[in-house]
PDB file of N, CA and C in Angstrom:
ATOM      1  N   MET A   1      85.151  61.022 119.813  1.00  0.00           N
ATOM      2  CA  MET A   1      85.853  60.225 120.763  1.00  0.00           C
ATOM      3  C   MET A   1      86.861  59.376 119.839  1.00  0.00           C
ATOM      4  N   LYS A   2      88.124  59.366 120.163  1.00  0.00           N
ATOM      5  CA  LYS A   2      89.219  58.500 119.518  1.00  0.00           C
ATOM      6  C   LYS A   2      88.962  57.114 120.097  1.00  0.00           C
ATOM      7  N   VAL A   3      88.795  56.203 119.108  1.00  0.00           N
ATOM      8  CA  VAL A   3      88.584  54.748 119.620  1.00  0.00           C
ATOM      9  C   VAL A   3      89.789  53.976 119.163  1.00  0.00           C
ATOM     10  N   SER A   4      90.340  53.191 120.016  1.00  0.00           N
ATOM     11  CA  SER A   4      91.509  52.317 119.770  1.00  0.00           C
ATOM     12  C   SER A   4      90.915  50.953 119.293  1.00  0.00           C
ATOM     13  N   HIS A   5      91.684  50.314 118.443  1.00  0.00           N
ATOM     14  CA  HIS A   5      91.442  48.947 118.169  1.00  0.00           C
ATOM     15  C   HIS A   5      91.505  47.968 119.470  1.00  0.00           C
ATOM     16  N   LEU A   6      90.605  47.064 119.587  1.00  0.00           N
ATOM     17  CA  LEU A   6      90.592  46.024 120.600  1.00  0.00           C
ATOM     18  C   LEU A   6      91.442  44.885 120.325  1.00  0.00           C
ATOM     19  N   THR A   7      92.070  44.303 121.443  1.00  0.00           N
ATOM     20  CA  THR A   7      92.769  43.035 121.172  1.00  0.00           C
ATOM     21  C   THR A   7      91.751  41.952 121.072  1.00  0.00           C
ATOM     22  N   LYS A   8      92.230  40.844 120.922  1.00  0.00           N
ATOM     23  CA  LYS A   8      91.219  39.589 120.786  1.00  0.00           C
ATOM     24  C   LYS A   8      90.451  39.385 121.972  1.00  0.00           C
ATOM     25  N   ARG A   9      91.188  39.408 123.202  1.00  0.00           N
ATOM     26  CA  ARG A   9      90.374  39.168 124.431  1.00  0.00           C
ATOM     27  C   ARG A   9      89.584  40.351 124.804  1.00  0.00           C
ATOM     28  N   GLU A  10      90.070  41.690 124.489  1.00  0.00           N
ATOM     29  CA  GLU A  10      89.157  42.796 124.777  1.00  0.00           C
ATOM     30  C   GLU A  10      87.876  42.709 124.002  1.00  0.00           C
ATOM     31  N   ASN A  11      88.050  42.360 122.721  1.00  0.00           N
ATOM     32  CA  ASN A  11      86.849  42.247 121.766  1.00  0.00           C
ATOM     33  C   ASN A  11      85.844  41.160 122.262  1.00  0.00           C
ATOM     34  N   GLU A  12      86.375  39.992 122.705  1.00  0.00           N
ATOM     35  CA  GLU A  12      85.662  38.886 123.140  1.00  0.00           C
ATOM     36  C   GLU A  12      84.868  39.320 124.385  1.00  0.00           C
ATOM     37  N   ILE A  13      85.383  40.074 125.265  1.00  0.00           N
ATOM     38  CA  ILE A  13      84.699  40.642 126.540  1.00  0.00           C
ATOM     39  C   ILE A  13      83.805  41.635 126.149  1.00  0.00           C
ATOM     40  N   MET A  14      84.134  42.546 125.185  1.00  0.00           N
ATOM     41  CA  MET A  14      83.112  43.496 124.793  1.00  0.00           C
ATOM     42  C   MET A  14      81.963  43.069 124.079  1.00  0.00           C
ATOM     43  N   GLU A  15      82.114  41.974 123.322  1.00  0.00           N
ATOM     44  CA  GLU A  15      80.928  41.169 122.761  1.00  0.00           C
ATOM     45  C   GLU A  15      80.051  40.669 123.839  1.00  0.00           C
ATOM     46  N   ILE A  16      80.490  40.159 124.947  1.00  0.00           N
ATOM     47  CA  ILE A  16      79.663  39.743 126.055  1.00  0.00           C
ATOM     48  C   ILE A  16      78.906  40.832 126.537  1.00  0.00           C
ATOM     49  N   PHE A  17      79.506  42.044 126.716  1.00  0.00           N
ATOM     50  CA  PHE A  17      78.840  43.275 127.181  1.00  0.00           C
ATOM     51  C   PHE A  17      77.790  43.693 126.253  1.00  0.00           C
ATOM     52  N   TRP A  18      78.163  43.717 124.967  1.00  0.00           N
ATOM     53  CA  TRP A  18      77.234  44.264 123.898  1.00  0.00           C
ATOM     54  C   TRP A  18      76.002  43.319 123.803  1.00  0.00           C
ATOM     55  N   ARG A  19      76.162  41.989 124.016  1.00  0.00           N
ATOM     56  CA  ARG A  19      74.915  41.044 124.011  1.00  0.00           C
ATOM     57  C   ARG A  19      74.105  41.108 125.160  1.00  0.00           C
ATOM     58  N   SER A  20      74.579  41.660 126.253  1.00  0.00           N
ATOM     59  CA  SER A  20      73.875  41.653 127.602  1.00  0.00           C
ATOM     60  C   SER A  20      72.961  42.920 127.603  1.00  0.00           C
ATOM     61  N   GLU A  21      71.889  42.603 128.254  1.00  0.00           N
ATOM     62  CA  GLU A  21      70.927  43.756 128.399  1.00  0.00           C
ATOM     63  C   GLU A  21      70.894  44.238 129.723  1.00  0.00           C
ATOM     64  N   LYS A  22      71.815  43.852 130.575  1.00  0.00           N
ATOM     65  CA  LYS A  22      71.998  44.419 131.886  1.00  0.00           C
ATOM     66  C   LYS A  22      73.522  44.425 132.314  1.00  0.00           C
ATOM     67  N   PRO A  23      73.732  45.329 133.287  1.00  0.00           N
ATOM     68  CA  PRO A  23      75.159  45.348 133.813  1.00  0.00           C
ATOM     69  C   PRO A  23      75.842  43.977 134.187  1.00  0.00           C
ATOM     70  N   LEU A  24      77.067  43.862 133.938  1.00  0.00           N
ATOM     71  CA  LEU A  24      77.691  42.647 134.319  1.00  0.00           C
ATOM     72  C   LEU A  24      78.847  42.776 135.264  1.00  0.00           C
ATOM     73  N   SER A  25      79.125  41.716 136.102  1.00  0.00           N
ATOM     74  CA  SER A  25      80.331  41.642 136.958  1.00  0.00           C
ATOM     75  C   SER A  25      81.357  40.858 136.294  1.00  0.00           C
ATOM     76  N   SER A  26      82.495  40.902 136.860  1.00  0.00           N
ATOM     77  CA  SER A  26      83.615  40.061 136.372  1.00  0.00           C
ATOM     78  C   SER A  26      83.226  38.504 136.382  1.00  0.00           C
ATOM     79  N   ASN A  27      82.451  38.258 137.419  1.00  0.00           N
ATOM     80  CA  ASN A  27      81.969  36.759 137.671  1.00  0.00           C
ATOM     81  C   ASN A  27      81.022  36.482 136.513  1.00  0.00           C
ATOM     82  N   ASP A  28      80.046  37.272 136.161  1.00  0.00           N
ATOM     83  CA  ASP A  28      79.214  36.986 135.086  1.00  0.00           C
ATOM     84  C   ASP A  28      79.945  36.823 133.808  1.00  0.00           C
ATOM     85  N   ILE A  29      80.902  37.492 133.613  1.00  0.00           N
ATOM     86  CA  ILE A  29      81.741  37.363 132.297  1.00  0.00           C
ATOM     87  C   ILE A  29      82.496  35.947 132.380  1.00  0.00           C
ATOM     88  N   CYS A  30      83.034  35.674 133.573  1.00  0.00           N
ATOM     89  CA  CYS A  30      83.763  34.298 133.758  1.00  0.00           C
ATOM     90  C   CYS A  30      82.687  33.183 133.399  1.00  0.00           C
ATOM     91  N   LEU A  31      81.342  33.438 133.830  1.00  0.00           N
ATOM     92  CA  LEU A  31      80.335  32.380 133.537  1.00  0.00           C
ATOM     93  C   LEU A  31      80.093  32.292 132.050  1.00  0.00           C
ATOM     94  N   GLU A  32      80.124  33.436 131.333  1.00  0.00           N
ATOM     95  CA  GLU A  32      79.791  33.471 129.942  1.00  0.00           C
ATOM     96  C   GLU A  32      80.933  32.865 129.148  1.00  0.00           C
ATOM     97  N   ALA A  33      82.189  33.159 129.603  1.00  0.00           N
ATOM     98  CA  ALA A  33      83.338  32.646 128.904  1.00  0.00           C
ATOM     99  C   ALA A  33      84.299  32.067 129.843  1.00  0.00           C
ATOM    100  N   PRO A  34      83.935  30.593 130.170  1.00  0.00           N
ATOM    101  CA  PRO A  34      84.637  29.956 131.155  1.00  0.00           C
ATOM    102  C   PRO A  34      86.162  29.518 130.754  1.00  0.00           C
ATOM    103  N   HIS A  35      86.405  29.727 129.423  1.00  0.00           N
ATOM    104  CA  HIS A  35      87.740  29.474 128.879  1.00  0.00           C
ATOM    105  C   HIS A  35      88.666  30.538 129.350  1.00  0.00           C
ATOM    106  N   ILE A  36      88.186  31.826 129.781  1.00  0.00           N
ATOM    107  CA  ILE A  36      89.127  32.881 130.099  1.00  0.00           C
ATOM    108  C   ILE A  36      89.221  32.885 131.660  1.00  0.00           C
ATOM    109  N   SER A  37      90.549  32.942 132.123  1.00  0.00           N
ATOM    110  CA  SER A  37      90.726  33.026 133.543  1.00  0.00           C
ATOM    111  C   SER A  37      90.069  34.285 134.153  1.00  0.00           C
ATOM    112  N   LYS A  38      89.848  34.117 135.508  1.00  0.00           N
ATOM    113  CA  LYS A  38      89.229  35.250 136.226  1.00  0.00           C
ATOM    114  C   LYS A  38      90.264  36.414 136.263  1.00  0.00           C
ATOM    115  N   ASN A  39      91.591  36.031 136.439  1.00  0.00           N
ATOM    116  CA  ASN A  39      92.593  37.092 136.417  1.00  0.00           C
ATOM    117  C   ASN A  39      92.528  37.824 135.120  1.00  0.00           C
ATOM    118  N   THR A  40      92.486  37.137 134.085  1.00  0.00           N
ATOM    119  CA  THR A  40      92.481  37.763 132.733  1.00  0.00           C
ATOM    120  C   THR A  40      91.182  38.663 132.609  1.00  0.00           C
ATOM    121  N   VAL A  41      90.103  38.107 132.949  1.00  0.00           N
ATOM    122  CA  VAL A  41      88.870  38.914 132.888  1.00  0.00           C
ATOM    123  C   VAL A  41      89.049  40.194 133.579  1.00  0.00           C
ATOM    124  N   GLN A  42      89.607  40.174 134.804  1.00  0.00           N
ATOM    125  CA  GLN A  42      89.691  41.454 135.659  1.00  0.00           C
ATOM    126  C   GLN A  42      90.729  42.396 135.125  1.00  0.00           C
ATOM    127  N   ALA A  43      91.914  41.822 134.519  1.00  0.00           N
ATOM    128  CA  ALA A  43      92.814  42.689 133.823  1.00  0.00           C
ATOM    129  C   ALA A  43      92.254  43.402 132.621  1.00  0.00           C
ATOM    130  N   VAL A  44      91.436  42.642 131.895  1.00  0.00           N
ATOM    131  CA  VAL A  44      90.784  43.272 130.647  1.00  0.00           C
ATOM    132  C   VAL A  44      89.693  44.245 130.980  1.00  0.00           C
ATOM    133  N   ILE A  45      88.912  44.084 131.982  1.00  0.00           N
ATOM    134  CA  ILE A  45      88.005  45.044 132.575  1.00  0.00           C
ATOM    135  C   ILE A  45      88.632  46.386 133.014  1.00  0.00           C
ATOM    136  N   ARG A  46      89.825  46.051 133.619  1.00  0.00           N
ATOM    137  CA  ARG A  46      90.572  47.451 134.061  1.00  0.00           C
ATOM    138  C   ARG A  46      90.936  48.128 132.835  1.00  0.00           C
ATOM    139  N   LYS A  47      91.581  47.408 131.770  1.00  0.00           N
ATOM    140  CA  LYS A  47      91.913  48.049 130.507  1.00  0.00           C
ATOM    141  C   LYS A  47      90.799  48.704 129.887  1.00  0.00           C
ATOM    142  N   LEU A  48      89.597  48.038 129.830  1.00  0.00           N
ATOM    143  CA  LEU A  48      88.460  48.555 129.149  1.00  0.00           C
ATOM    144  C   LEU A  48      87.869  49.848 129.836  1.00  0.00           C
ATOM    145  N   LEU A  49      88.028  49.770 131.189  1.00  0.00           N
ATOM    146  CA  LEU A  49      87.656  51.042 132.081  1.00  0.00           C
ATOM    147  C   LEU A  49      88.485  52.185 131.625  1.00  0.00           C
ATOM    148  N   SER A  50      89.986  51.912 131.559  1.00  0.00           N
ATOM    149  CA  SER A  50      90.871  53.088 131.382  1.00  0.00           C
ATOM    150  C   SER A  50      90.669  53.533 129.797  1.00  0.00           C
ATOM    151  N   MET A  51      90.237  52.759 128.988  1.00  0.00           N
ATOM    152  CA  MET A  51      89.947  53.097 127.515  1.00  0.00           C
ATOM    153  C   MET A  51      88.589  53.789 127.368  1.00  0.00           C
ATOM    154  N   ASN A  52      87.767  53.866 128.510  1.00  0.00           N
ATOM    155  CA  ASN A  52      86.421  54.398 128.449  1.00  0.00           C
ATOM    156  C   ASN A  52      85.461  53.573 127.539  1.00  0.00           C
ATOM    157  N   PHE A  53      85.697  52.378 127.391  1.00  0.00           N
ATOM    158  CA  PHE A  53      84.809  51.344 126.633  1.00  0.00           C
ATOM    159  C   PHE A  53      83.657  50.862 127.535  1.00  0.00           C
ATOM    160  N   ILE A  54      83.963  50.908 128.723  1.00  0.00           N
ATOM    161  CA  ILE A  54      82.924  50.463 129.781  1.00  0.00           C
ATOM    162  C   ILE A  54      82.948  51.380 130.984  1.00  0.00           C
ATOM    163  N   GLU A  55      81.970  51.408 131.784  1.00  0.00           N
ATOM    164  CA  GLU A  55      81.773  52.180 133.007  1.00  0.00           C
ATOM    165  C   GLU A  55      81.132  51.328 134.147  1.00  0.00           C
ATOM    166  N   ILE A  56      81.454  51.846 135.330  1.00  0.00           N
ATOM    167  CA  ILE A  56      80.873  51.170 136.487  1.00  0.00           C
ATOM    168  C   ILE A  56      79.435  51.503 136.498  1.00  0.00           C
ATOM    169  N   ALA A  57      78.615  50.573 136.440  1.00  0.00           N
ATOM    170  CA  ALA A  57      77.067  50.800 136.321  1.00  0.00           C
ATOM    171  C   ALA A  57      76.372  50.637 137.842  1.00  0.00           C
ATOM    172  N   GLY A  58      77.124  50.149 138.747  1.00  0.00           N
ATOM    173  CA  GLY A  58      76.551  49.859 140.003  1.00  0.00           C
ATOM    174  C   GLY A  58      77.253  48.828 140.758  1.00  0.00           C
ATOM    175  N   LEU A  59      76.545  48.364 141.977  1.00  0.00           N
ATOM    176  CA  LEU A  59      77.142  47.196 142.605  1.00  0.00           C
ATOM    177  C   LEU A  59      75.974  46.027 142.809  1.00  0.00           C
ATOM    178  N   GLY A  60      76.518  45.048 142.784  1.00  0.00           N
ATOM    179  CA  GLY A  60      75.754  43.639 142.825  1.00  0.00           C
ATOM    180  C   GLY A  60      76.249  42.789 143.933  1.00  0.00           C
ATOM    181  N   TYR A  61      75.791  41.592 143.960  1.00  0.00           N
ATOM    182  CA  TYR A  61      76.264  40.633 144.873  1.00  0.00           C
ATOM    183  C   TYR A  61      76.630  39.350 144.209  1.00  0.00           C
ATOM    184  N   ASN A  62      77.741  38.785 144.610  1.00  0.00           N
ATOM    185  CA  ASN A  62      78.023  37.461 144.080  1.00  0.00           C
ATOM    186  C   ASN A  62      78.445  36.712 145.301  1.00  0.00           C
ATOM    187  N   LYS A  63      77.357  35.848 145.550  1.00  0.00           N
ATOM    188  CA  LYS A  63      77.341  34.954 146.760  1.00  0.00           C
ATOM    189  C   LYS A  63      76.990  36.034 147.936  1.00  0.00           C
ATOM    190  N   ASN A  64      78.040  36.039 148.754  1.00  0.00           N
ATOM    191  CA  ASN A  64      77.726  37.114 149.905  1.00  0.00           C
ATOM    192  C   ASN A  64      78.644  38.318 149.724  1.00  0.00           C
ATOM    193  N   ALA A  65      79.382  38.485 148.688  1.00  0.00           N
ATOM    194  CA  ALA A  65      80.304  39.593 148.507  1.00  0.00           C
ATOM    195  C   ALA A  65      79.791  40.583 147.610  1.00  0.00           C
ATOM    196  N   LEU A  66      80.049  41.826 147.998  1.00  0.00           N
ATOM    197  CA  LEU A  66      79.585  42.932 147.049  1.00  0.00           C
ATOM    198  C   LEU A  66      80.533  42.947 145.806  1.00  0.00           C
ATOM    199  N   THR A  67      79.931  43.255 144.573  1.00  0.00           N
ATOM    200  CA  THR A  67      80.854  43.271 143.447  1.00  0.00           C
ATOM    201  C   THR A  67      80.413  44.431 142.534  1.00  0.00           C
ATOM    202  N   ARG A  68      81.490  44.947 141.815  1.00  0.00           N
ATOM    203  CA  ARG A  68      81.109  46.046 140.841  1.00  0.00           C
ATOM    204  C   ARG A  68      80.394  45.450 139.542  1.00  0.00           C
ATOM    205  N   GLU A  69      79.493  46.122 138.998  1.00  0.00           N
ATOM    206  CA  GLU A  69      78.816  45.734 137.707  1.00  0.00           C
ATOM    207  C   GLU A  69      79.284  46.892 136.707  1.00  0.00           C
ATOM    208  N   PHE A  70      79.475  46.365 135.497  1.00  0.00           N
ATOM    209  CA  PHE A  70      79.795  47.337 134.344  1.00  0.00           C
ATOM    210  C   PHE A  70      78.914  47.275 133.228  1.00  0.00           C
ATOM    211  N   SER A  71      78.876  48.336 132.431  1.00  0.00           N
ATOM    212  CA  SER A  71      78.045  48.447 131.227  1.00  0.00           C
ATOM    213  C   SER A  71      78.852  49.053 130.117  1.00  0.00           C
ATOM    214  N   PRO A  72      78.645  48.793 128.809  1.00  0.00           N
ATOM    215  CA  PRO A  72      79.358  49.557 127.938  1.00  0.00           C
ATOM    216  C   PRO A  72      79.034  50.878 127.671  1.00  0.00           C
ATOM    217  N   CYS A  73      80.093  51.679 127.346  1.00  0.00           N
ATOM    218  CA  CYS A  73      79.945  53.142 127.033  1.00  0.00           C
ATOM    219  C   CYS A  73      79.758  53.373 125.679  1.00  0.00           C
ATOM    220  N   ILE A  74      80.087  52.454 124.839  1.00  0.00           N
ATOM    221  CA  ILE A  74      80.045  52.519 123.261  1.00  0.00           C
ATOM    222  C   ILE A  74      79.400  51.348 122.692  1.00  0.00           C
ATOM    223  N   SER A  75      78.554  51.591 121.824  1.00  0.00           N
ATOM    224  CA  SER A  75      77.799  50.365 121.151  1.00  0.00           C
ATOM    225  C   SER A  75      78.679  49.834 120.064  1.00  0.00           C
ATOM    226  N   GLN A  76      78.394  48.607 119.823  1.00  0.00           N
ATOM    227  CA  GLN A  76      79.021  47.852 118.844  1.00  0.00           C
ATOM    228  C   GLN A  76      79.221  48.591 117.428  1.00  0.00           C
ATOM    229  N   ALA A  77      78.036  49.158 117.127  1.00  0.00           N
ATOM    230  CA  ALA A  77      77.899  49.934 115.854  1.00  0.00           C
ATOM    231  C   ALA A  77      78.834  51.136 115.902  1.00  0.00           C
ATOM    232  N   GLU A  78      78.880  51.855 116.988  1.00  0.00           N
ATOM    233  CA  GLU A  78      79.753  53.089 117.174  1.00  0.00           C
ATOM    234  C   GLU A  78      81.178  52.655 117.060  1.00  0.00           C
ATOM    235  N   TYR A  79      81.558  51.468 117.659  1.00  0.00           N
ATOM    236  CA  TYR A  79      82.919  50.954 117.578  1.00  0.00           C
ATOM    237  C   TYR A  79      83.340  50.744 116.159  1.00  0.00           C
ATOM    238  N   PHE A  80      82.655  49.955 115.400  1.00  0.00           N
ATOM    239  CA  PHE A  80      82.971  49.615 114.064  1.00  0.00           C
ATOM    240  C   PHE A  80      82.900  50.854 113.088  1.00  0.00           C
ATOM    241  N   ASP A  81      82.019  51.762 113.393  1.00  0.00           N
ATOM    242  CA  ASP A  81      81.864  52.981 112.537  1.00  0.00           C
ATOM    243  C   ASP A  81      83.202  53.814 112.621  1.00  0.00           C
ATOM    244  N   ASN A  82      83.966  53.741 113.685  1.00  0.00           N
ATOM    245  CA  ASN A  82      85.144  54.437 113.822  1.00  0.00           C
ATOM    246  C   ASN A  82      86.262  54.050 112.840  1.00  0.00           C
ATOM    247  N   PHE A  83      86.056  52.791 112.201  1.00  0.00           N
ATOM    248  CA  PHE A  83      87.082  52.279 111.349  1.00  0.00           C
ATOM    249  C   PHE A  83      86.689  52.334 110.006  1.00  0.00           C
ATOM    250  N   LEU A  84      85.573  52.814 109.630  1.00  0.00           N
ATOM    251  CA  LEU A  84      85.048  52.750 108.306  1.00  0.00           C
ATOM    252  C   LEU A  84      85.229  54.231 107.649  1.00  0.00           C
ATOM    253  N   VAL A  85      85.595  54.212 106.432  1.00  0.00           N
ATOM    254  CA  VAL A  85      85.683  55.506 105.629  1.00  0.00           C
ATOM    255  C   VAL A  85      84.207  55.837 105.328  1.00  0.00           C
ATOM    256  N   ARG A  86      83.928  57.115 105.060  1.00  0.00           N
ATOM    257  CA  ARG A  86      82.527  57.412 104.672  1.00  0.00           C
ATOM    258  C   ARG A  86      81.979  56.715 103.481  1.00  0.00           C
ATOM    259  N   ASP A  87      82.833  56.528 102.458  1.00  0.00           N
ATOM    260  CA  ASP A  87      82.402  55.680 101.333  1.00  0.00           C
ATOM    261  C   ASP A  87      81.836  54.233 101.598  1.00  0.00           C
ATOM    262  N   THR A  88      82.678  53.697 102.448  1.00  0.00           N
ATOM    263  CA  THR A  88      82.382  52.281 103.013  1.00  0.00           C
ATOM    264  C   THR A  88      81.021  52.366 103.771  1.00  0.00           C
ATOM    265  N   SER A  89      80.766  53.251 104.594  1.00  0.00           N
ATOM    266  CA  SER A  89      79.588  53.337 105.469  1.00  0.00           C
ATOM    267  C   SER A  89      78.285  53.534 104.468  1.00  0.00           C
ATOM    268  N   TYR A  90      78.492  54.251 103.454  1.00  0.00           N
ATOM    269  CA  TYR A  90      77.380  54.458 102.422  1.00  0.00           C
ATOM    270  C   TYR A  90      77.058  53.141 101.778  1.00  0.00           C
ATOM    271  N   GLU A  91      78.189  52.513 101.451  1.00  0.00           N
ATOM    272  CA  GLU A  91      77.989  51.209 100.671  1.00  0.00           C
ATOM    273  C   GLU A  91      77.251  50.141 101.605  1.00  0.00           C
ATOM    274  N   LEU A  92      77.788  50.192 102.887  1.00  0.00           N
ATOM    275  CA  LEU A  92      77.061  49.247 103.868  1.00  0.00           C
ATOM    276  C   LEU A  92      75.658  49.561 103.995  1.00  0.00           C
ATOM    277  N   ALA A  93      75.285  50.882 104.239  1.00  0.00           N
ATOM    278  CA  ALA A  93      73.858  51.337 104.499  1.00  0.00           C
ATOM    279  C   ALA A  93      73.085  50.867 103.206  1.00  0.00           C
ATOM    280  N   ALA A  94      73.625  51.231 101.958  1.00  0.00           N
ATOM    281  CA  ALA A  94      72.837  50.958 100.766  1.00  0.00           C
ATOM    282  C   ALA A  94      72.627  49.445 100.679  1.00  0.00           C
ATOM    283  N   ASN A  95      73.599  48.638 100.975  1.00  0.00           N
ATOM    284  CA  ASN A  95      73.510  47.265 100.863  1.00  0.00           C
ATOM    285  C   ASN A  95      72.494  46.751 101.787  1.00  0.00           C
ATOM    286  N   PHE A  96      72.598  47.274 103.021  1.00  0.00           N
ATOM    287  CA  PHE A  96      71.614  46.715 104.093  1.00  0.00           C
ATOM    288  C   PHE A  96      70.267  47.074 103.685  1.00  0.00           C
ATOM    289  N   ILE A  97      69.967  48.262 103.091  1.00  0.00           N
ATOM    290  CA  ILE A  97      68.528  48.591 102.542  1.00  0.00           C
ATOM    291  C   ILE A  97      68.191  47.694 101.362  1.00  0.00           C
ATOM    292  N   ARG A  98      69.010  47.387 100.569  1.00  0.00           N
ATOM    293  CA  ARG A  98      68.811  46.461  99.451  1.00  0.00           C
ATOM    294  C   ARG A  98      68.376  45.137  99.890  1.00  0.00           C
ATOM    295  N   GLN A  99      69.030  44.657 101.024  1.00  0.00           N
ATOM    296  CA  GLN A  99      68.837  43.205 101.469  1.00  0.00           C
ATOM    297  C   GLN A  99      67.680  43.128 102.456  1.00  0.00           C
ATOM    298  N   ALA A 100      67.131  44.261 102.987  1.00  0.00           N
ATOM    299  CA  ALA A 100      66.136  44.293 103.928  1.00  0.00           C
ATOM    300  C   ALA A 100      64.922  43.517 103.507  1.00  0.00           C
ATOM    301  N   GLU A 101      64.451  42.611 104.306  1.00  0.00           N
ATOM    302  CA  GLU A 101      63.345  41.873 103.957  1.00  0.00           C
ATOM    303  C   GLU A 101      62.021  42.114 104.733  1.00  0.00           C
ATOM    304  N   ASP A 102      62.006  43.183 105.594  1.00  0.00           N
ATOM    305  CA  ASP A 102      60.835  43.473 106.355  1.00  0.00           C
ATOM    306  C   ASP A 102      60.557  44.889 106.232  1.00  0.00           C
ATOM    307  N   ILE A 103      59.292  45.340 106.085  1.00  0.00           N
ATOM    308  CA  ILE A 103      58.875  46.641 105.838  1.00  0.00           C
ATOM    309  C   ILE A 103      59.203  47.517 107.117  1.00  0.00           C
ATOM    310  N   ALA A 104      58.982  46.868 108.376  1.00  0.00           N
ATOM    311  CA  ALA A 104      59.241  47.662 109.621  1.00  0.00           C
ATOM    312  C   ALA A 104      60.590  48.188 109.659  1.00  0.00           C
ATOM    313  N   THR A 105      61.654  47.424 109.281  1.00  0.00           N
ATOM    314  CA  THR A 105      62.996  47.867 109.268  1.00  0.00           C
ATOM    315  C   THR A 105      63.092  48.993 108.362  1.00  0.00           C
ATOM    316  N   LEU A 106      62.575  48.937 107.119  1.00  0.00           N
ATOM    317  CA  LEU A 106      62.726  50.037 106.182  1.00  0.00           C
ATOM    318  C   LEU A 106      62.065  51.241 106.700  1.00  0.00           C
ATOM    319  N   GLU A 107      60.924  51.123 107.426  1.00  0.00           N
ATOM    320  CA  GLU A 107      60.149  52.370 107.936  1.00  0.00           C
ATOM    321  C   GLU A 107      61.038  52.955 109.087  1.00  0.00           C
ATOM    322  N   GLN A 108      61.613  52.180 109.887  1.00  0.00           N
ATOM    323  CA  GLN A 108      62.640  52.771 110.907  1.00  0.00           C
ATOM    324  C   GLN A 108      63.705  53.621 110.265  1.00  0.00           C
ATOM    325  N   ILE A 109      64.228  53.034 109.297  1.00  0.00           N
ATOM    326  CA  ILE A 109      65.328  53.763 108.568  1.00  0.00           C
ATOM    327  C   ILE A 109      64.807  55.095 107.923  1.00  0.00           C
ATOM    328  N   GLU A 110      63.685  55.029 107.230  1.00  0.00           N
ATOM    329  CA  GLU A 110      63.011  56.235 106.850  1.00  0.00           C
ATOM    330  C   GLU A 110      62.826  57.279 107.807  1.00  0.00           C
ATOM    331  N   ALA A 111      62.345  56.907 108.981  1.00  0.00           N
ATOM    332  CA  ALA A 111      62.134  57.747 110.133  1.00  0.00           C
ATOM    333  C   ALA A 111      63.432  58.460 110.554  1.00  0.00           C
ATOM    334  N   LEU A 112      64.531  57.554 110.640  1.00  0.00           N
ATOM    335  CA  LEU A 112      65.739  58.172 111.081  1.00  0.00           C
ATOM    336  C   LEU A 112      66.200  59.118 110.075  1.00  0.00           C
ATOM    337  N   ILE A 113      66.147  58.931 108.783  1.00  0.00           N
ATOM    338  CA  ILE A 113      66.575  59.822 107.670  1.00  0.00           C
ATOM    339  C   ILE A 113      65.736  61.092 107.809  1.00  0.00           C
ATOM    340  N   ALA A 114      64.359  61.047 107.870  1.00  0.00           N
ATOM    341  CA  ALA A 114      63.538  62.214 108.039  1.00  0.00           C
ATOM    342  C   ALA A 114      64.024  63.015 109.184  1.00  0.00           C
ATOM    343  N   GLU A 115      64.281  62.319 110.477  1.00  0.00           N
ATOM    344  CA  GLU A 115      64.769  63.076 111.638  1.00  0.00           C
ATOM    345  C   GLU A 115      66.055  63.769 111.416  1.00  0.00           C
ATOM    346  N   ARG A 116      66.969  63.075 110.765  1.00  0.00           N
ATOM    347  CA  ARG A 116      68.339  63.777 110.459  1.00  0.00           C
ATOM    348  C   ARG A 116      68.247  64.889 109.490  1.00  0.00           C
ATOM    349  N   LYS A 117      67.365  64.764 108.483  1.00  0.00           N
ATOM    350  CA  LYS A 117      67.086  65.918 107.568  1.00  0.00           C
ATOM    351  C   LYS A 117      66.580  67.127 108.236  1.00  0.00           C
ATOM    352  N   GLU A 118      65.549  66.925 109.231  1.00  0.00           N
ATOM    353  CA  GLU A 118      65.023  68.093 109.960  1.00  0.00           C
ATOM    354  C   GLU A 118      66.065  68.679 110.938  1.00  0.00           C
ATOM    355  N   ALA A 119      66.907  67.872 111.503  1.00  0.00           N
ATOM    356  CA  ALA A 119      67.970  68.404 112.303  1.00  0.00           C
ATOM    357  C   ALA A 119      69.042  69.313 111.478  1.00  0.00           C
ATOM    358  N   LEU A 120      69.399  68.860 110.260  1.00  0.00           N
ATOM    359  CA  LEU A 120      70.248  69.545 109.453  1.00  0.00           C
ATOM    360  C   LEU A 120      69.652  70.760 108.839  1.00  0.00           C
ATOM    361  N   GLN A 121      68.400  70.777 108.515  1.00  0.00           N
ATOM    362  CA  GLN A 121      67.711  71.929 108.041  1.00  0.00           C
ATOM    363  C   GLN A 121      67.539  73.015 109.110  1.00  0.00           C
ATOM    364  N   ALA A 122      67.492  72.474 110.317  1.00  0.00           N
ATOM    365  CA  ALA A 122      67.282  73.474 111.432  1.00  0.00           C
ATOM    366  C   ALA A 122      68.611  74.143 111.904  1.00  0.00           C
ATOM    367  N   ALA A 123      69.613  73.455 111.533  1.00  0.00           N
ATOM    368  CA  ALA A 123      70.921  74.142 111.970  1.00  0.00           C
ATOM    369  C   ALA A 123      71.488  75.227 110.997  1.00  0.00           C
TER     370      ALA A 123
END
């Protein structure tokens, strides 16, 4: 998937989506970022929908009105990975491993590496 760079406002709103564990309405975003006008939030949501960064996740209620709720289609890690060259990705991963301070995280990384190796060998 070809990913475009986000503007400052688009990135700010995507950050809110990425932090949330549930779908959000435009009103939810306005509550999270009261410094952004409701019109701007709605315009950015339309743009993010057209760029396939978010999708309609369902319907909810805002007071007595029905409202659409949205969730991200791309994770923050996937977004940033699109702008890194492979050498940089390796350096970031290696640095992360060197800086890791808990064994559970390293074990999760080991499991991912083993899983990926198996998939490559099977192919």
